[in-house]
Amino acid sequence: MKAVLIVIFFALLGQSVDVYRNAYKTQNEDKILACLDFLEDKKSKTELEQCYYAVFLCLKADYSSNPYTKYKSFNNGYALLQSFI
């Protein structure tokens, strides 16, 4: 429920990059997963949003308890980051 409220709050703010930066700085699981969910649903992302999306995918691996989900999430995020570099 808390994640849904955060996503709605982000949508009302217009999703400035500061929201992603603050979520990353705090390393708060709820905020990071809410940002990740929002970015997954977003149709077109800026380059910076794509980078944050990749980083949040890697961080999602840290929060998961399923080894397969950890592996898949980290590899997808890492591959996406490597494509930008």
N, C-alpha and C. Protein backbone atom coordinates (compact mmCIF):
# COMPACT_ATOMS: atom_id res chain seq x y z
N MET A 1 0.82 -1.19 0.00
CA MET A 1 0.00 0.00 0.00
C MET A 1 0.87 1.25 0.00
N LYS A 2 1.94 1.21 0.80
CA LYS A 2 2.83 2.36 0.89
C LYS A 2 3.49 2.63 -0.46
N ALA A 3 3.85 1.58 -1.18
CA ALA A 3 4.49 1.74 -2.48
C ALA A 3 3.53 2.38 -3.49
N VAL A 4 2.26 2.02 -3.42
CA VAL A 4 1.27 2.60 -4.33
C VAL A 4 1.13 4.09 -4.08
N LEU A 5 1.11 4.49 -2.82
CA LEU A 5 1.02 5.91 -2.50
C LEU A 5 2.24 6.68 -2.97
N ILE A 6 3.40 6.06 -2.86
CA ILE A 6 4.62 6.71 -3.32
C ILE A 6 4.59 6.90 -4.83
N VAL A 7 4.12 5.89 -5.55
CA VAL A 7 4.03 5.98 -7.01
C VAL A 7 3.07 7.09 -7.41
N ILE A 8 1.94 7.18 -6.74
CA ILE A 8 0.97 8.24 -7.05
C ILE A 8 1.58 9.61 -6.75
N PHE A 9 2.30 9.70 -5.64
CA PHE A 9 2.95 10.95 -5.28
C PHE A 9 3.97 11.35 -6.34
N PHE A 10 4.76 10.38 -6.82
CA PHE A 10 5.75 10.66 -7.87
C PHE A 10 5.06 11.11 -9.15
N ALA A 11 3.95 10.49 -9.48
CA ALA A 11 3.24 10.86 -10.71
C ALA A 11 2.73 12.30 -10.63
N LEU A 12 2.30 12.71 -9.46
CA LEU A 12 1.82 14.07 -9.30
C LEU A 12 2.94 15.10 -9.34
N LEU A 13 4.13 14.70 -8.95
CA LEU A 13 5.27 15.60 -8.96
C LEU A 13 5.84 15.82 -10.36
N GLY A 14 5.50 14.97 -11.28
CA GLY A 14 6.04 15.11 -12.62
C GLY A 14 7.34 14.35 -12.81
N GLN A 15 7.72 13.56 -11.87
CA GLN A 15 8.89 12.70 -11.95
C GLN A 15 10.17 13.43 -12.32
N SER A 16 10.56 14.35 -11.51
CA SER A 16 11.86 14.95 -11.74
C SER A 16 12.93 13.94 -11.35
N VAL A 17 14.11 14.12 -11.89
CA VAL A 17 15.20 13.18 -11.63
C VAL A 17 15.63 13.23 -10.17
N ASP A 18 15.34 14.33 -9.50
CA ASP A 18 15.68 14.44 -8.08
C ASP A 18 15.01 13.35 -7.24
N VAL A 19 13.84 12.94 -7.64
CA VAL A 19 13.13 11.89 -6.92
C VAL A 19 13.92 10.59 -6.99
N TYR A 20 14.43 10.27 -8.17
CA TYR A 20 15.23 9.05 -8.34
C TYR A 20 16.55 9.16 -7.56
N ARG A 21 17.16 10.33 -7.64
CA ARG A 21 18.43 10.54 -6.95
C ARG A 21 18.25 10.38 -5.45
N ASN A 22 17.19 10.95 -4.90
CA ASN A 22 16.94 10.83 -3.46
C ASN A 22 16.64 9.40 -3.06
N ALA A 23 15.90 8.69 -3.90
CA ALA A 23 15.61 7.29 -3.60
C ALA A 23 16.90 6.48 -3.58
N TYR A 24 17.79 6.77 -4.52
CA TYR A 24 19.07 6.05 -4.56
C TYR A 24 19.93 6.39 -3.35
N LYS A 25 19.96 7.65 -2.98
CA LYS A 25 20.78 8.07 -1.84
C LYS A 25 20.32 7.45 -0.53
N THR A 26 18.99 7.35 -0.35
CA THR A 26 18.47 6.82 0.91
C THR A 26 18.61 5.30 0.99
N GLN A 27 18.68 4.63 -0.17
CA GLN A 27 18.74 3.17 -0.21
C GLN A 27 17.54 2.54 0.49
N ASN A 28 16.42 3.26 0.51
CA ASN A 28 15.18 2.78 1.10
C ASN A 28 14.51 1.82 0.12
N GLU A 29 14.27 0.61 0.56
CA GLU A 29 13.71 -0.42 -0.32
C GLU A 29 12.38 -0.01 -0.92
N ASP A 30 11.49 0.56 -0.12
CA ASP A 30 10.16 0.95 -0.61
C ASP A 30 10.26 2.02 -1.69
N LYS A 31 11.10 3.01 -1.47
CA LYS A 31 11.25 4.08 -2.44
C LYS A 31 11.88 3.58 -3.74
N ILE A 32 12.88 2.75 -3.62
CA ILE A 32 13.56 2.22 -4.81
C ILE A 32 12.61 1.35 -5.61
N LEU A 33 11.88 0.48 -4.95
CA LEU A 33 10.95 -0.39 -5.67
C LEU A 33 9.79 0.40 -6.28
N ALA A 34 9.37 1.47 -5.60
CA ALA A 34 8.31 2.32 -6.16
C ALA A 34 8.81 3.03 -7.41
N CYS A 35 10.03 3.54 -7.35
CA CYS A 35 10.61 4.19 -8.54
C CYS A 35 10.79 3.19 -9.67
N LEU A 36 11.23 2.00 -9.33
CA LEU A 36 11.41 0.96 -10.34
C LEU A 36 10.08 0.61 -11.00
N ASP A 37 9.04 0.46 -10.21
CA ASP A 37 7.71 0.17 -10.76
C ASP A 37 7.24 1.29 -11.67
N PHE A 38 7.47 2.52 -11.25
CA PHE A 38 7.05 3.65 -12.06
C PHE A 38 7.82 3.68 -13.38
N LEU A 39 9.12 3.45 -13.31
CA LEU A 39 9.93 3.48 -14.53
C LEU A 39 9.60 2.32 -15.46
N GLU A 40 9.23 1.18 -14.90
CA GLU A 40 8.83 0.05 -15.74
C GLU A 40 7.56 0.37 -16.53
N ASP A 41 6.65 1.10 -15.91
CA ASP A 41 5.39 1.43 -16.56
C ASP A 41 5.51 2.61 -17.53
N LYS A 42 6.55 3.38 -17.39
CA LYS A 42 6.71 4.57 -18.22
C LYS A 42 7.08 4.16 -19.65
N LYS A 43 6.38 4.71 -20.62
CA LYS A 43 6.57 4.33 -22.02
C LYS A 43 7.89 4.83 -22.59
N SER A 44 8.18 6.12 -22.43
CA SER A 44 9.44 6.65 -22.95
C SER A 44 10.24 7.24 -21.80
N LYS A 45 11.51 6.87 -21.74
CA LYS A 45 12.38 7.32 -20.66
C LYS A 45 13.52 8.14 -21.25
N THR A 46 13.96 9.14 -20.50
CA THR A 46 15.16 9.87 -20.89
C THR A 46 16.37 8.98 -20.64
N GLU A 47 17.53 9.38 -21.12
CA GLU A 47 18.73 8.58 -20.91
C GLU A 47 19.05 8.44 -19.43
N LEU A 48 18.87 9.52 -18.69
CA LEU A 48 19.14 9.48 -17.26
C LEU A 48 18.15 8.57 -16.53
N GLU A 49 16.90 8.60 -16.94
CA GLU A 49 15.90 7.70 -16.34
C GLU A 49 16.22 6.24 -16.67
N GLN A 50 16.73 5.99 -17.86
CA GLN A 50 17.12 4.63 -18.22
C GLN A 50 18.29 4.15 -17.36
N CYS A 51 19.21 5.05 -17.06
CA CYS A 51 20.33 4.69 -16.19
C CYS A 51 19.85 4.38 -14.77
N TYR A 52 18.97 5.21 -14.25
CA TYR A 52 18.41 4.94 -12.92
C TYR A 52 17.61 3.64 -12.94
N TYR A 53 16.90 3.37 -14.01
CA TYR A 53 16.16 2.13 -14.13
C TYR A 53 17.10 0.93 -14.03
N ALA A 54 18.23 1.00 -14.73
CA ALA A 54 19.20 -0.09 -14.70
C ALA A 54 19.78 -0.27 -13.29
N VAL A 55 20.09 0.83 -12.64
CA VAL A 55 20.63 0.75 -11.28
C VAL A 55 19.59 0.19 -10.31
N PHE A 56 18.35 0.62 -10.46
CA PHE A 56 17.30 0.11 -9.58
C PHE A 56 17.05 -1.37 -9.81
N LEU A 57 17.23 -1.84 -11.03
CA LEU A 57 17.13 -3.29 -11.29
C LEU A 57 18.22 -4.04 -10.53
N CYS A 58 19.43 -3.50 -10.55
CA CYS A 58 20.52 -4.14 -9.81
C CYS A 58 20.24 -4.14 -8.31
N LEU A 59 19.71 -3.04 -7.81
CA LEU A 59 19.39 -2.97 -6.38
C LEU A 59 18.24 -3.88 -6.00
N LYS A 60 17.33 -4.12 -6.93
CA LYS A 60 16.21 -5.02 -6.66
C LYS A 60 16.74 -6.42 -6.33
N ALA A 61 17.86 -6.78 -6.93
CA ALA A 61 18.46 -8.09 -6.64
C ALA A 61 18.84 -8.20 -5.18
N ASP A 62 19.26 -7.10 -4.59
CA ASP A 62 19.65 -7.10 -3.18
C ASP A 62 18.44 -7.33 -2.27
N TYR A 63 17.26 -6.89 -2.70
CA TYR A 63 16.07 -6.99 -1.87
C TYR A 63 15.30 -8.29 -2.07
N SER A 64 15.64 -9.04 -3.07
CA SER A 64 14.92 -10.28 -3.37
C SER A 64 15.48 -11.44 -2.57
N SER A 65 14.62 -12.40 -2.26
CA SER A 65 15.09 -13.58 -1.53
C SER A 65 15.23 -14.80 -2.45
N ASN A 66 14.61 -14.75 -3.62
CA ASN A 66 14.69 -15.85 -4.57
C ASN A 66 15.99 -15.75 -5.37
N PRO A 67 16.83 -16.78 -5.36
CA PRO A 67 18.11 -16.71 -6.07
C PRO A 67 17.96 -16.46 -7.58
N TYR A 68 16.95 -17.06 -8.19
CA TYR A 68 16.75 -16.86 -9.62
C TYR A 68 16.37 -15.41 -9.91
N THR A 69 15.50 -14.83 -9.09
CA THR A 69 15.09 -13.44 -9.26
C THR A 69 16.28 -12.51 -9.05
N LYS A 70 17.11 -12.82 -8.05
CA LYS A 70 18.32 -12.03 -7.81
C LYS A 70 19.21 -12.04 -9.05
N TYR A 71 19.46 -13.22 -9.56
CA TYR A 71 20.36 -13.38 -10.72
C TYR A 71 19.80 -12.67 -11.95
N LYS A 72 18.54 -12.88 -12.22
CA LYS A 72 17.91 -12.29 -13.41
C LYS A 72 17.87 -10.77 -13.31
N SER A 73 17.48 -10.25 -12.17
CA SER A 73 17.37 -8.81 -11.98
C SER A 73 18.73 -8.13 -12.10
N PHE A 74 19.74 -8.69 -11.45
CA PHE A 74 21.06 -8.09 -11.50
C PHE A 74 21.63 -8.15 -12.92
N ASN A 75 21.52 -9.28 -13.57
CA ASN A 75 22.07 -9.40 -14.93
C ASN A 75 21.38 -8.46 -15.91
N ASN A 76 20.06 -8.32 -15.80
CA ASN A 76 19.34 -7.40 -16.69
C ASN A 76 19.78 -5.96 -16.46
N GLY A 77 19.87 -5.57 -15.20
CA GLY A 77 20.30 -4.21 -14.87
C GLY A 77 21.74 -3.95 -15.28
N TYR A 78 22.62 -4.92 -15.04
CA TYR A 78 24.03 -4.77 -15.38
C TYR A 78 24.22 -4.69 -16.89
N ALA A 79 23.52 -5.52 -17.64
CA ALA A 79 23.62 -5.49 -19.10
C ALA A 79 23.13 -4.15 -19.65
N LEU A 80 22.06 -3.64 -19.08
CA LEU A 80 21.52 -2.35 -19.52
C LEU A 80 22.52 -1.23 -19.21
N LEU A 81 23.13 -1.27 -18.04
CA LEU A 81 24.14 -0.26 -17.71
C LEU A 81 25.34 -0.35 -18.64
N GLN A 82 25.77 -1.56 -18.93
CA GLN A 82 26.91 -1.73 -19.83
C GLN A 82 26.61 -1.20 -21.22
N SER A 83 25.38 -1.32 -21.66
CA SER A 83 25.01 -0.81 -22.99
C SER A 83 25.10 0.72 -23.03
N PHE A 84 24.88 1.38 -21.90
CA PHE A 84 24.99 2.83 -21.86
C PHE A 84 26.43 3.29 -21.80
N ILE A 85 27.26 2.50 -21.14
CA ILE A 85 28.67 2.87 -21.01
C ILE A 85 29.36 2.64 -22.33
